[in-house]
Amino acid sequence: MPLRTRTTWFGVVLDSTDARALARFYADLLGWQIFNESDTWVDLAPSEDAGYNFAFATDPLYVPPVWPTVEGRPQMSMHLDLEVDDLGEGLAY
């Protein structure tokens, strides 16, 4: 039975001090295309009609989390699980 919802999930947004730079990193890593690029927002997807995206927002006050956790510093609240064909090559990013 299909999941019935009133809304549709279509992506994840990551905050950054530089949305364009972070989007370029993930575009290179995933081989996806950048759409709707501005100074404060970038959409990334495997194609323009994919139906889902990965977006990045510029927040000049953003403070990145640290891992492992350090008392008094922002904690990681989520992470992305990505699979690569070659771990050594993936770590080079």
PDB file of N, CA and C in Angstrom:
ATOM      1  N   MET A   1       0.847  -1.173   0.000  1.00  0.00           N
ATOM      2  CA  MET A   1       0.000   0.000   0.000  1.00  0.00           C
ATOM      3  C   MET A   1       0.898   1.243   0.000  1.00  0.00           C
ATOM      4  N   PRO A   2       0.669   2.194  -0.909  1.00  0.00           N
ATOM      5  CA  PRO A   2       1.504   3.393  -0.952  1.00  0.00           C
ATOM      6  C   PRO A   2       1.269   4.275   0.270  1.00  0.00           C
ATOM      7  N   LEU A   3       2.318   4.967   0.657  1.00  0.00           N
ATOM      8  CA  LEU A   3       2.232   5.912   1.763  1.00  0.00           C
ATOM      9  C   LEU A   3       1.379   7.103   1.334  1.00  0.00           C
ATOM     10  N   ARG A   4       0.398   7.439   2.136  1.00  0.00           N
ATOM     11  CA  ARG A   4      -0.479   8.572   1.818  1.00  0.00           C
ATOM     12  C   ARG A   4      -0.106   9.755   2.685  1.00  0.00           C
ATOM     13  N   THR A   5       0.214  10.852   2.043  1.00  0.00           N
ATOM     14  CA  THR A   5       0.545  12.069   2.773  1.00  0.00           C
ATOM     15  C   THR A   5      -0.153  13.253   2.121  1.00  0.00           C
ATOM     16  N   ARG A   6      -0.198  14.341   2.831  1.00  0.00           N
ATOM     17  CA  ARG A   6      -0.790  15.567   2.294  1.00  0.00           C
ATOM     18  C   ARG A   6       0.258  16.434   1.617  1.00  0.00           C
ATOM     19  N   THR A   7       1.501  16.136   1.848  1.00  0.00           N
ATOM     20  CA  THR A   7       2.583  16.923   1.267  1.00  0.00           C
ATOM     21  C   THR A   7       3.573  15.993   0.586  1.00  0.00           C
ATOM     22  N   THR A   8       4.456  16.572  -0.170  1.00  0.00           N
ATOM     23  CA  THR A   8       5.466  15.798  -0.887  1.00  0.00           C
ATOM     24  C   THR A   8       6.841  16.285  -0.481  1.00  0.00           C
ATOM     25  N   TRP A   9       7.681  15.369  -0.064  1.00  0.00           N
ATOM     26  CA  TRP A   9       9.068  15.708   0.235  1.00  0.00           C
ATOM     27  C   TRP A   9       9.827  15.740  -1.076  1.00  0.00           C
ATOM     28  N   PHE A  10      10.631  16.787  -1.278  1.00  0.00           N
ATOM     29  CA  PHE A  10      11.360  16.855  -2.533  1.00  0.00           C
ATOM     30  C   PHE A  10      12.813  17.251  -2.372  1.00  0.00           C
ATOM     31  N   GLY A  11      13.300  17.401  -1.140  1.00  0.00           N
ATOM     32  CA  GLY A  11      14.711  17.719  -1.018  1.00  0.00           C
ATOM     33  C   GLY A  11      15.148  18.044   0.388  1.00  0.00           C
ATOM     34  N   VAL A  12      16.433  18.296   0.490  1.00  0.00           N
ATOM     35  CA  VAL A  12      17.088  18.657   1.747  1.00  0.00           C
ATOM     36  C   VAL A  12      17.840  19.962   1.505  1.00  0.00           C
ATOM     37  N   VAL A  13      17.853  20.843   2.496  1.00  0.00           N
ATOM     38  CA  VAL A  13      18.579  22.109   2.400  1.00  0.00           C
ATOM     39  C   VAL A  13      19.655  22.134   3.473  1.00  0.00           C
ATOM     40  N   LEU A  14      20.879  22.436   3.074  1.00  0.00           N
ATOM     41  CA  LEU A  14      21.977  22.603   4.014  1.00  0.00           C
ATOM     42  C   LEU A  14      22.354  24.079   4.073  1.00  0.00           C
ATOM     43  N   ASP A  15      22.517  24.605   5.278  1.00  0.00           N
ATOM     44  CA  ASP A  15      22.996  25.972   5.452  1.00  0.00           C
ATOM     45  C   ASP A  15      24.514  25.987   5.361  1.00  0.00           C
ATOM     46  N   SER A  16      25.049  27.127   4.977  1.00  0.00           N
ATOM     47  CA  SER A  16      26.488  27.279   4.814  1.00  0.00           C
ATOM     48  C   SER A  16      26.803  28.767   4.789  1.00  0.00           C
ATOM     49  N   THR A  17      28.050  29.116   5.003  1.00  0.00           N
ATOM     50  CA  THR A  17      28.454  30.510   4.829  1.00  0.00           C
ATOM     51  C   THR A  17      28.646  30.833   3.352  1.00  0.00           C
ATOM     52  N   ASP A  18      28.722  29.803   2.486  1.00  0.00           N
ATOM     53  CA  ASP A  18      28.903  29.992   1.045  1.00  0.00           C
ATOM     54  C   ASP A  18      28.147  28.891   0.300  1.00  0.00           C
ATOM     55  N   ALA A  19      26.877  29.147  -0.008  1.00  0.00           N
ATOM     56  CA  ALA A  19      26.032  28.150  -0.660  1.00  0.00           C
ATOM     57  C   ALA A  19      26.605  27.704  -2.001  1.00  0.00           C
ATOM     58  N   ARG A  20      27.158  28.635  -2.761  1.00  0.00           N
ATOM     59  CA  ARG A  20      27.705  28.294  -4.079  1.00  0.00           C
ATOM     60  C   ARG A  20      28.872  27.316  -3.963  1.00  0.00           C
ATOM     61  N   ALA A  21      29.777  27.557  -3.045  1.00  0.00           N
ATOM     62  CA  ALA A  21      30.939  26.672  -2.887  1.00  0.00           C
ATOM     63  C   ALA A  21      30.509  25.278  -2.434  1.00  0.00           C
ATOM     64  N   LEU A  22      29.591  25.208  -1.482  1.00  0.00           N
ATOM     65  CA  LEU A  22      29.140  23.903  -0.998  1.00  0.00           C
ATOM     66  C   LEU A  22      28.370  23.159  -2.087  1.00  0.00           C
ATOM     67  N   ALA A  23      27.570  23.867  -2.859  1.00  0.00           N
ATOM     68  CA  ALA A  23      26.831  23.237  -3.958  1.00  0.00           C
ATOM     69  C   ALA A  23      27.791  22.694  -5.015  1.00  0.00           C
ATOM     70  N   ARG A  24      28.843  23.439  -5.330  1.00  0.00           N
ATOM     71  CA  ARG A  24      29.819  22.956  -6.318  1.00  0.00           C
ATOM     72  C   ARG A  24      30.508  21.687  -5.823  1.00  0.00           C
ATOM     73  N   PHE A  25      30.812  21.637  -4.530  1.00  0.00           N
ATOM     74  CA  PHE A  25      31.428  20.437  -3.957  1.00  0.00           C
ATOM     75  C   PHE A  25      30.520  19.220  -4.181  1.00  0.00           C
ATOM     76  N   TYR A  26      29.239  19.342  -3.811  1.00  0.00           N
ATOM     77  CA  TYR A  26      28.318  18.216  -3.964  1.00  0.00           C
ATOM     78  C   TYR A  26      27.995  17.922  -5.428  1.00  0.00           C
ATOM     79  N   ALA A  27      27.975  18.942  -6.284  1.00  0.00           N
ATOM     80  CA  ALA A  27      27.757  18.705  -7.718  1.00  0.00           C
ATOM     81  C   ALA A  27      28.885  17.846  -8.279  1.00  0.00           C
ATOM     82  N   ASP A  28      30.123  18.166  -7.907  1.00  0.00           N
ATOM     83  CA  ASP A  28      31.274  17.368  -8.354  1.00  0.00           C
ATOM     84  C   ASP A  28      31.225  15.965  -7.778  1.00  0.00           C
ATOM     85  N   LEU A  29      30.902  15.855  -6.503  1.00  0.00           N
ATOM     86  CA  LEU A  29      30.867  14.561  -5.829  1.00  0.00           C
ATOM     87  C   LEU A  29      29.788  13.645  -6.408  1.00  0.00           C
ATOM     88  N   LEU A  30      28.587  14.187  -6.628  1.00  0.00           N
ATOM     89  CA  LEU A  30      27.454  13.383  -7.070  1.00  0.00           C
ATOM     90  C   LEU A  30      27.282  13.332  -8.588  1.00  0.00           C
ATOM     91  N   GLY A  31      27.949  14.248  -9.309  1.00  0.00           N
ATOM     92  CA  GLY A  31      27.756  14.321 -10.747  1.00  0.00           C
ATOM     93  C   GLY A  31      26.405  14.914 -11.112  1.00  0.00           C
ATOM     94  N   TRP A  32      25.831  15.738 -10.240  1.00  0.00           N
ATOM     95  CA  TRP A  32      24.531  16.368 -10.467  1.00  0.00           C
ATOM     96  C   TRP A  32      24.729  17.757 -11.063  1.00  0.00           C
ATOM     97  N   GLN A  33      23.624  18.374 -11.500  1.00  0.00           N
ATOM     98  CA  GLN A  33      23.650  19.686 -12.128  1.00  0.00           C
ATOM     99  C   GLN A  33      23.146  20.761 -11.170  1.00  0.00           C
ATOM    100  N   ILE A  34      23.701  21.950 -11.303  1.00  0.00           N
ATOM    101  CA  ILE A  34      23.271  23.100 -10.500  1.00  0.00           C
ATOM    102  C   ILE A  34      22.172  23.844 -11.246  1.00  0.00           C
ATOM    103  N   PHE A  35      21.081  24.175 -10.521  1.00  0.00           N
ATOM    104  CA  PHE A  35      19.957  24.943 -11.048  1.00  0.00           C
ATOM    105  C   PHE A  35      19.663  26.089 -10.091  1.00  0.00           C
ATOM    106  N   ASN A  36      19.038  27.138 -10.585  1.00  0.00           N
ATOM    107  CA  ASN A  36      18.561  28.243  -9.732  1.00  0.00           C
ATOM    108  C   ASN A  36      19.640  28.804  -8.817  1.00  0.00           C
ATOM    109  N   GLU A  37      20.795  29.088  -9.346  1.00  0.00           N
ATOM    110  CA  GLU A  37      21.912  29.594  -8.538  1.00  0.00           C
ATOM    111  C   GLU A  37      21.803  31.099  -8.331  1.00  0.00           C
ATOM    112  N   SER A  38      21.929  31.522  -7.066  1.00  0.00           N
ATOM    113  CA  SER A  38      22.012  32.944  -6.722  1.00  0.00           C
ATOM    114  C   SER A  38      23.051  33.081  -5.612  1.00  0.00           C
ATOM    115  N   ASP A  39      23.246  34.287  -5.122  1.00  0.00           N
ATOM    116  CA  ASP A  39      24.223  34.494  -4.046  1.00  0.00           C
ATOM    117  C   ASP A  39      23.829  33.790  -2.755  1.00  0.00           C
ATOM    118  N   THR A  40      22.527  33.594  -2.545  1.00  0.00           N
ATOM    119  CA  THR A  40      22.070  33.056  -1.261  1.00  0.00           C
ATOM    120  C   THR A  40      21.410  31.686  -1.346  1.00  0.00           C
ATOM    121  N   TRP A  41      21.220  31.151  -2.569  1.00  0.00           N
ATOM    122  CA  TRP A  41      20.505  29.882  -2.699  1.00  0.00           C
ATOM    123  C   TRP A  41      20.966  29.155  -3.951  1.00  0.00           C
ATOM    124  N   VAL A  42      21.151  27.827  -3.839  1.00  0.00           N
ATOM    125  CA  VAL A  42      21.500  27.007  -5.003  1.00  0.00           C
ATOM    126  C   VAL A  42      20.730  25.696  -4.924  1.00  0.00           C
ATOM    127  N   ASP A  43      20.132  25.283  -6.048  1.00  0.00           N
ATOM    128  CA  ASP A  43      19.478  23.981  -6.162  1.00  0.00           C
ATOM    129  C   ASP A  43      20.354  23.064  -6.992  1.00  0.00           C
ATOM    130  N   LEU A  44      20.422  21.813  -6.568  1.00  0.00           N
ATOM    131  CA  LEU A  44      21.235  20.796  -7.219  1.00  0.00           C
ATOM    132  C   LEU A  44      20.358  19.568  -7.418  1.00  0.00           C
ATOM    133  N   ALA A  45      20.410  18.947  -8.586  1.00  0.00           N
ATOM    134  CA  ALA A  45      19.608  17.745  -8.855  1.00  0.00           C
ATOM    135  C   ALA A  45      20.267  16.936  -9.964  1.00  0.00           C
ATOM    136  N   PRO A  46      19.899  15.653 -10.067  1.00  0.00           N
ATOM    137  CA  PRO A  46      20.479  14.851 -11.140  1.00  0.00           C
ATOM    138  C   PRO A  46      20.013  15.313 -12.520  1.00  0.00           C
ATOM    139  N   SER A  47      18.829  15.947 -12.602  1.00  0.00           N
ATOM    140  CA  SER A  47      18.325  16.540 -13.837  1.00  0.00           C
ATOM    141  C   SER A  47      17.282  17.585 -13.456  1.00  0.00           C
ATOM    142  N   GLU A  48      16.948  18.440 -14.381  1.00  0.00           N
ATOM    143  CA  GLU A  48      16.003  19.523 -14.075  1.00  0.00           C
ATOM    144  C   GLU A  48      14.609  19.006 -13.735  1.00  0.00           C
ATOM    145  N   ASP A  49      14.250  17.838 -14.252  1.00  0.00           N
ATOM    146  CA  ASP A  49      12.924  17.291 -13.985  1.00  0.00           C
ATOM    147  C   ASP A  49      12.953  16.079 -13.049  1.00  0.00           C
ATOM    148  N   ALA A  50      13.971  15.977 -12.203  1.00  0.00           N
ATOM    149  CA  ALA A  50      14.125  14.818 -11.313  1.00  0.00           C
ATOM    150  C   ALA A  50      12.989  14.691 -10.301  1.00  0.00           C
ATOM    151  N   GLY A  51      12.405  15.798  -9.886  1.00  0.00           N
ATOM    152  CA  GLY A  51      11.343  15.745  -8.890  1.00  0.00           C
ATOM    153  C   GLY A  51      11.857  15.836  -7.461  1.00  0.00           C
ATOM    154  N   TYR A  52      13.150  15.917  -7.298  1.00  0.00           N
ATOM    155  CA  TYR A  52      13.761  16.103  -5.978  1.00  0.00           C
ATOM    156  C   TYR A  52      15.052  16.873  -6.169  1.00  0.00           C
ATOM    157  N   ASN A  53      15.503  17.507  -5.105  1.00  0.00           N
ATOM    158  CA  ASN A  53      16.736  18.275  -5.204  1.00  0.00           C
ATOM    159  C   ASN A  53      17.480  18.298  -3.884  1.00  0.00           C
ATOM    160  N   PHE A  54      18.638  18.870  -3.940  1.00  0.00           N
ATOM    161  CA  PHE A  54      19.504  19.092  -2.803  1.00  0.00           C
ATOM    162  C   PHE A  54      19.805  20.581  -2.888  1.00  0.00           C
ATOM    163  N   ALA A  55      19.462  21.355  -1.871  1.00  0.00           N
ATOM    164  CA  ALA A  55      19.620  22.803  -1.943  1.00  0.00           C
ATOM    165  C   ALA A  55      20.573  23.293  -0.864  1.00  0.00           C
ATOM    166  N   PHE A  56      21.091  24.488  -1.094  1.00  0.00           N
ATOM    167  CA  PHE A  56      22.073  25.084  -0.200  1.00  0.00           C
ATOM    168  C   PHE A  56      21.713  26.549  -0.009  1.00  0.00           C
ATOM    169  N   ALA A  57      21.698  26.991   1.247  1.00  0.00           N
ATOM    170  CA  ALA A  57      21.345  28.366   1.586  1.00  0.00           C
ATOM    171  C   ALA A  57      22.530  29.044   2.265  1.00  0.00           C
ATOM    172  N   THR A  58      22.799  30.278   1.864  1.00  0.00           N
ATOM    173  CA  THR A  58      23.859  31.052   2.502  1.00  0.00           C
ATOM    174  C   THR A  58      23.321  31.723   3.749  1.00  0.00           C
ATOM    175  N   ASP A  59      24.000  31.507   4.863  1.00  0.00           N
ATOM    176  CA  ASP A  59      23.688  32.158   6.131  1.00  0.00           C
ATOM    177  C   ASP A  59      25.009  32.680   6.680  1.00  0.00           C
ATOM    178  N   PRO A  60      25.244  33.993   6.634  1.00  0.00           N
ATOM    179  CA  PRO A  60      26.536  34.532   7.068  1.00  0.00           C
ATOM    180  C   PRO A  60      26.853  34.258   8.541  1.00  0.00           C
ATOM    181  N   LEU A  61      25.843  33.952   9.349  1.00  0.00           N
ATOM    182  CA  LEU A  61      26.077  33.670  10.766  1.00  0.00           C
ATOM    183  C   LEU A  61      26.170  32.173  11.060  1.00  0.00           C
ATOM    184  N   TYR A  62      26.124  31.344  10.032  1.00  0.00           N
ATOM    185  CA  TYR A  62      26.187  29.896  10.212  1.00  0.00           C
ATOM    186  C   TYR A  62      27.506  29.490  10.867  1.00  0.00           C
ATOM    187  N   VAL A  63      27.410  28.608  11.853  1.00  0.00           N
ATOM    188  CA  VAL A  63      28.585  28.045  12.518  1.00  0.00           C
ATOM    189  C   VAL A  63      28.532  26.540  12.300  1.00  0.00           C
ATOM    190  N   PRO A  64      29.514  25.978  11.598  1.00  0.00           N
ATOM    191  CA  PRO A  64      29.461  24.545  11.313  1.00  0.00           C
ATOM    192  C   PRO A  64      29.602  23.701  12.579  1.00  0.00           C
ATOM    193  N   PRO A  65      28.943  22.548  12.603  1.00  0.00           N
ATOM    194  CA  PRO A  65      29.072  21.649  13.753  1.00  0.00           C
ATOM    195  C   PRO A  65      30.437  20.979  13.763  1.00  0.00           C
ATOM    196  N   VAL A  66      30.790  20.457  14.920  1.00  0.00           N
ATOM    197  CA  VAL A  66      32.047  19.710  15.041  1.00  0.00           C
ATOM    198  C   VAL A  66      31.728  18.254  15.335  1.00  0.00           C
ATOM    199  N   TRP A  67      32.584  17.394  14.857  1.00  0.00           N
ATOM    200  CA  TRP A  67      32.478  15.965  15.134  1.00  0.00           C
ATOM    201  C   TRP A  67      33.873  15.410  15.274  1.00  0.00           C
ATOM    202  N   PRO A  68      34.139  14.662  16.304  1.00  0.00           N
ATOM    203  CA  PRO A  68      33.216  14.281  17.368  1.00  0.00           C
ATOM    204  C   PRO A  68      32.806  15.491  18.216  1.00  0.00           C
ATOM    205  N   THR A  69      31.752  15.299  18.985  1.00  0.00           N
ATOM    206  CA  THR A  69      31.167  16.357  19.786  1.00  0.00           C
ATOM    207  C   THR A  69      32.183  16.968  20.746  1.00  0.00           C
ATOM    208  N   VAL A  70      32.131  18.295  20.845  1.00  0.00           N
ATOM    209  CA  VAL A  70      32.956  19.048  21.789  1.00  0.00           C
ATOM    210  C   VAL A  70      32.006  19.925  22.600  1.00  0.00           C
ATOM    211  N   GLU A  71      32.103  19.851  23.911  1.00  0.00           N
ATOM    212  CA  GLU A  71      31.218  20.627  24.768  1.00  0.00           C
ATOM    213  C   GLU A  71      31.297  22.110  24.430  1.00  0.00           C
ATOM    214  N   GLY A  72      30.120  22.742  24.324  1.00  0.00           N
ATOM    215  CA  GLY A  72      30.055  24.165  24.047  1.00  0.00           C
ATOM    216  C   GLY A  72      30.120  24.524  22.571  1.00  0.00           C
ATOM    217  N   ARG A  73      30.328  23.552  21.694  1.00  0.00           N
ATOM    218  CA  ARG A  73      30.380  23.791  20.241  1.00  0.00           C
ATOM    219  C   ARG A  73      29.128  23.194  19.598  1.00  0.00           C
ATOM    220  N   PRO A  74      28.732  23.716  18.436  1.00  0.00           N
ATOM    221  CA  PRO A  74      27.541  23.161  17.769  1.00  0.00           C
ATOM    222  C   PRO A  74      27.717  21.671  17.474  1.00  0.00           C
ATOM    223  N   GLN A  75      26.669  20.919  17.747  1.00  0.00           N
ATOM    224  CA  GLN A  75      26.711  19.475  17.513  1.00  0.00           C
ATOM    225  C   GLN A  75      26.086  19.140  16.168  1.00  0.00           C
ATOM    226  N   MET A  76      26.577  18.069  15.556  1.00  0.00           N
ATOM    227  CA  MET A  76      26.018  17.595  14.298  1.00  0.00           C
ATOM    228  C   MET A  76      24.593  17.124  14.560  1.00  0.00           C
ATOM    229  N   SER A  77      23.635  17.596  13.749  1.00  0.00           N
ATOM    230  CA  SER A  77      22.245  17.188  13.934  1.00  0.00           C
ATOM    231  C   SER A  77      21.786  16.202  12.871  1.00  0.00           C
ATOM    232  N   MET A  78      22.573  16.042  11.818  1.00  0.00           N
ATOM    233  CA  MET A  78      22.275  15.071  10.776  1.00  0.00           C
ATOM    234  C   MET A  78      23.538  14.820   9.974  1.00  0.00           C
ATOM    235  N   HIS A  79      23.515  13.770   9.205  1.00  0.00           N
ATOM    236  CA  HIS A  79      24.611  13.537   8.266  1.00  0.00           C
ATOM    237  C   HIS A  79      24.042  12.822   7.045  1.00  0.00           C
ATOM    238  N   LEU A  80      24.783  12.839   5.969  1.00  0.00           N
ATOM    239  CA  LEU A  80      24.356  12.193   4.729  1.00  0.00           C
ATOM    240  C   LEU A  80      25.152  10.917   4.544  1.00  0.00           C
ATOM    241  N   ASP A  81      24.484   9.837   4.220  1.00  0.00           N
ATOM    242  CA  ASP A  81      25.158   8.572   3.911  1.00  0.00           C
ATOM    243  C   ASP A  81      25.302   8.475   2.401  1.00  0.00           C
ATOM    244  N   LEU A  82      26.532   8.517   1.929  1.00  0.00           N
ATOM    245  CA  LEU A  82      26.816   8.422   0.502  1.00  0.00           C
ATOM    246  C   LEU A  82      27.705   7.214   0.272  1.00  0.00           C
ATOM    247  N   GLU A  83      27.454   6.509  -0.804  1.00  0.00           N
ATOM    248  CA  GLU A  83      28.265   5.352  -1.158  1.00  0.00           C
ATOM    249  C   GLU A  83      29.133   5.715  -2.356  1.00  0.00           C
ATOM    250  N   VAL A  84      30.403   5.354  -2.299  1.00  0.00           N
ATOM    251  CA  VAL A  84      31.316   5.602  -3.413  1.00  0.00           C
ATOM    252  C   VAL A  84      31.859   4.277  -3.921  1.00  0.00           C
ATOM    253  N   ASP A  85      32.228   4.246  -5.193  1.00  0.00           N
ATOM    254  CA  ASP A  85      32.777   3.017  -5.777  1.00  0.00           C
ATOM    255  C   ASP A  85      34.183   2.734  -5.266  1.00  0.00           C
ATOM    256  N   ASP A  86      34.952   3.807  -5.032  1.00  0.00           N
ATOM    257  CA  ASP A  86      36.343   3.661  -4.598  1.00  0.00           C
ATOM    258  C   ASP A  86      36.538   4.540  -3.360  1.00  0.00           C
ATOM    259  N   LEU A  87      36.694   3.922  -2.179  1.00  0.00           N
ATOM    260  CA  LEU A  87      36.784   4.680  -0.933  1.00  0.00           C
ATOM    261  C   LEU A  87      37.979   5.626  -0.933  1.00  0.00           C
ATOM    262  N   GLY A  88      39.126   5.188  -1.409  1.00  0.00           N
ATOM    263  CA  GLY A  88      40.306   6.031  -1.456  1.00  0.00           C
ATOM    264  C   GLY A  88      40.072   7.278  -2.306  1.00  0.00           C
ATOM    265  N   GLU A  89      39.451   7.080  -3.459  1.00  0.00           N
ATOM    266  CA  GLU A  89      39.143   8.215  -4.326  1.00  0.00           C
ATOM    267  C   GLU A  89      38.090   9.117  -3.688  1.00  0.00           C
ATOM    268  N   GLY A  90      37.105   8.510  -3.035  1.00  0.00           N
ATOM    269  CA  GLY A  90      36.073   9.294  -2.354  1.00  0.00           C
ATOM    270  C   GLY A  90      36.638  10.145  -1.233  1.00  0.00           C
ATOM    271  N   LEU A  91      37.604   9.612  -0.504  1.00  0.00           N
ATOM    272  CA  LEU A  91      38.224  10.359   0.582  1.00  0.00           C
ATOM    273  C   LEU A  91      39.067  11.515   0.073  1.00  0.00           C
ATOM    274  N   ALA A  92      39.502  11.449  -1.173  1.00  0.00           N
ATOM    275  CA  ALA A  92      40.310  12.525  -1.745  1.00  0.00           C
ATOM    276  C   ALA A  92      39.520  13.820  -1.873  1.00  0.00           C
ATOM    277  N   TYR A  93      38.189  13.726  -1.895  1.00  0.00           N
ATOM    278  CA  TYR A  93      37.364  14.938  -1.957  1.00  0.00           C
ATOM    279  C   TYR A  93      37.506  15.689  -0.666  1.00  0.00           C
TER     280      TYR A  93
END
